[in-house]
Amino acid sequence: MVDDEKVALTLFARLLALNGIEAKTAADGASAVDLGKTEKFDIIFLDISLPGISGFELIKSLKVTNPKSRYVMMTGYSADEFETELKDSGVADFLEKPFQISSVLACIDKVCAENK
């Protein structure tokens, strides 16, 4: 997960771990790009608004090192505001904040099912 909110990162990783899913986190775009150079991910969750870079710009960078990853965007705003960008960037799914862990798990199931 890439998000500039430390509490969101910690909570996200802990909730996934409780459900048997390993998660790595990054607090900014640069850290995410560095992590993407050494790790391969099935799904990458990204906040749309990050310091210094948008989630959409970050996807372009991450696709270089993680071309098979599926991307899920997250934001506190409505998906309607980003409809064109979501479609153009090839995002697999979208989550509005705040979200429930059940929504995240359902999203993971959906994205993994589509990838088979």
Protein backbone atom coordinates (compact mmCIF):
# COMPACT_ATOMS: atom_id res chain seq x y z
CA MET A 1 0.00 0.00 0.00
CA VAL A 2 1.20 3.48 -0.83
CA ASP A 3 -0.32 6.23 1.31
CA ASP A 4 1.06 9.31 3.03
CA GLU A 5 -1.12 8.70 6.10
CA LYS A 6 0.97 6.64 8.53
CA VAL A 7 -2.07 5.47 10.50
CA ALA A 8 -3.72 4.20 7.32
CA LEU A 9 -0.57 2.30 6.34
CA THR A 10 -0.21 0.65 9.73
CA LEU A 11 -3.88 -0.27 10.01
CA PHE A 12 -4.02 -1.60 6.44
CA ALA A 13 -0.97 -3.83 6.91
CA ARG A 14 -2.17 -5.15 10.28
CA LEU A 15 -5.67 -5.93 9.05
CA LEU A 16 -4.33 -7.78 6.03
CA ALA A 17 -1.86 -9.70 8.21
CA LEU A 18 -4.75 -10.79 10.45
CA ASN A 19 -6.33 -12.22 7.31
CA GLY A 20 -3.17 -14.07 6.27
CA ILE A 21 -2.10 -11.59 3.60
CA GLU A 22 1.41 -10.15 3.57
CA ALA A 23 1.56 -6.42 2.90
CA LYS A 24 4.41 -3.99 2.35
CA THR A 25 3.90 -0.26 2.76
CA ALA A 26 5.40 2.96 1.42
CA ALA A 27 4.64 6.48 2.64
CA ASP A 28 5.50 8.28 -0.61
CA GLY A 29 6.10 7.76 -4.29
CA ALA A 30 9.89 7.56 -4.10
CA SER A 31 9.74 4.85 -1.43
CA ALA A 32 7.17 2.95 -3.50
CA VAL A 33 9.38 3.07 -6.61
CA ASP A 34 12.38 1.86 -4.58
CA LEU A 35 10.32 -0.99 -3.10
CA GLY A 36 9.05 -1.89 -6.56
CA LYS A 37 12.62 -2.37 -7.76
CA THR A 38 13.28 -5.13 -5.23
CA GLU A 39 9.84 -6.67 -4.72
CA LYS A 40 7.14 -8.03 -7.03
CA PHE A 41 3.51 -7.53 -6.04
CA ASP A 42 0.25 -9.12 -7.12
CA ILE A 43 -1.78 -6.04 -6.16
CA ILE A 44 -0.60 -2.52 -5.37
CA PHE A 45 -2.98 -0.22 -3.51
CA LEU A 46 -2.25 3.48 -4.06
CA ASP A 47 -3.68 6.69 -2.74
CA ILE A 48 -4.53 9.09 -5.57
CA SER A 49 -3.08 12.09 -3.73
CA LEU A 50 0.52 11.67 -2.62
CA PRO A 51 3.15 14.28 -1.81
CA GLY A 52 5.02 15.26 -4.95
CA ILE A 53 3.35 12.76 -7.28
CA SER A 54 -0.14 11.59 -8.08
CA GLY A 55 -1.10 7.95 -7.78
CA PHE A 56 -1.66 7.92 -11.55
CA GLU A 57 1.89 9.12 -12.22
CA LEU A 58 3.19 6.58 -9.74
CA ILE A 59 1.44 3.74 -11.57
CA LYS A 60 3.41 4.61 -14.71
CA SER A 61 6.69 4.34 -12.78
CA LEU A 62 5.71 1.14 -10.98
CA LYS A 63 4.60 -0.57 -14.20
CA VAL A 64 8.23 -0.49 -15.35
CA THR A 65 9.35 -2.81 -12.53
CA ASN A 66 5.99 -4.45 -11.74
CA PRO A 67 4.27 -4.84 -15.13
CA LYS A 68 2.16 -7.82 -14.01
CA SER A 69 0.86 -6.12 -10.86
CA ARG A 70 -2.77 -5.07 -10.63
CA TYR A 71 -3.41 -1.57 -9.29
CA VAL A 72 -6.17 -0.40 -6.95
CA MET A 73 -6.60 3.33 -6.37
CA MET A 74 -7.91 4.75 -3.11
CA THR A 75 -9.16 8.20 -2.20
CA GLY A 76 -11.53 10.08 0.02
CA TYR A 77 -13.10 11.59 -3.10
CA SER A 78 -15.71 10.16 -5.43
CA ALA A 79 -14.58 7.89 -8.27
CA ASP A 80 -16.63 10.06 -10.62
CA GLU A 81 -14.05 12.85 -10.25
CA PHE A 82 -11.35 10.54 -11.61
CA GLU A 83 -13.33 8.43 -14.08
CA THR A 84 -11.18 9.24 -17.11
CA GLU A 85 -7.86 8.83 -15.28
CA LEU A 86 -8.98 5.55 -13.72
CA LYS A 87 -9.94 4.15 -17.10
CA ASP A 88 -6.82 5.44 -18.91
CA SER A 89 -4.39 4.14 -16.29
CA GLY A 90 -5.73 0.59 -16.37
CA VAL A 91 -6.66 0.54 -12.70
CA ALA A 92 -8.18 -2.81 -11.70
CA ASP A 93 -10.43 -1.37 -8.99
CA PHE A 94 -11.15 1.67 -6.84
CA LEU A 95 -11.84 2.06 -3.11
CA GLU A 96 -13.31 5.13 -1.47
CA LYS A 97 -11.92 6.05 1.95
CA PRO A 98 -12.78 5.33 4.61
CA PHE A 99 -13.22 1.68 3.74
CA GLN A 100 -14.01 -1.44 5.70
CA ILE A 101 -11.60 -4.39 5.73
CA SER A 102 -14.40 -6.44 4.18
CA SER A 103 -14.32 -4.08 1.18
CA VAL A 104 -10.55 -4.49 0.86
CA LEU A 105 -10.80 -8.29 1.06
CA ALA A 106 -13.62 -8.32 -1.51
CA CYS A 107 -11.51 -6.11 -3.77
CA ILE A 108 -8.54 -8.48 -3.44
CA ASP A 109 -10.76 -11.48 -4.28
CA LYS A 110 -12.23 -9.66 -7.29
CA VAL A 111 -8.88 -8.50 -8.67
CA CYS A 112 -7.27 -11.93 -8.16
CA ALA A 113 -10.23 -13.66 -9.85
CA GLU A 114 -9.93 -11.33 -12.85
CA ASN A 115 -6.22 -12.08 -13.10
CA LYS A 116 -6.72 -15.85 -13.55
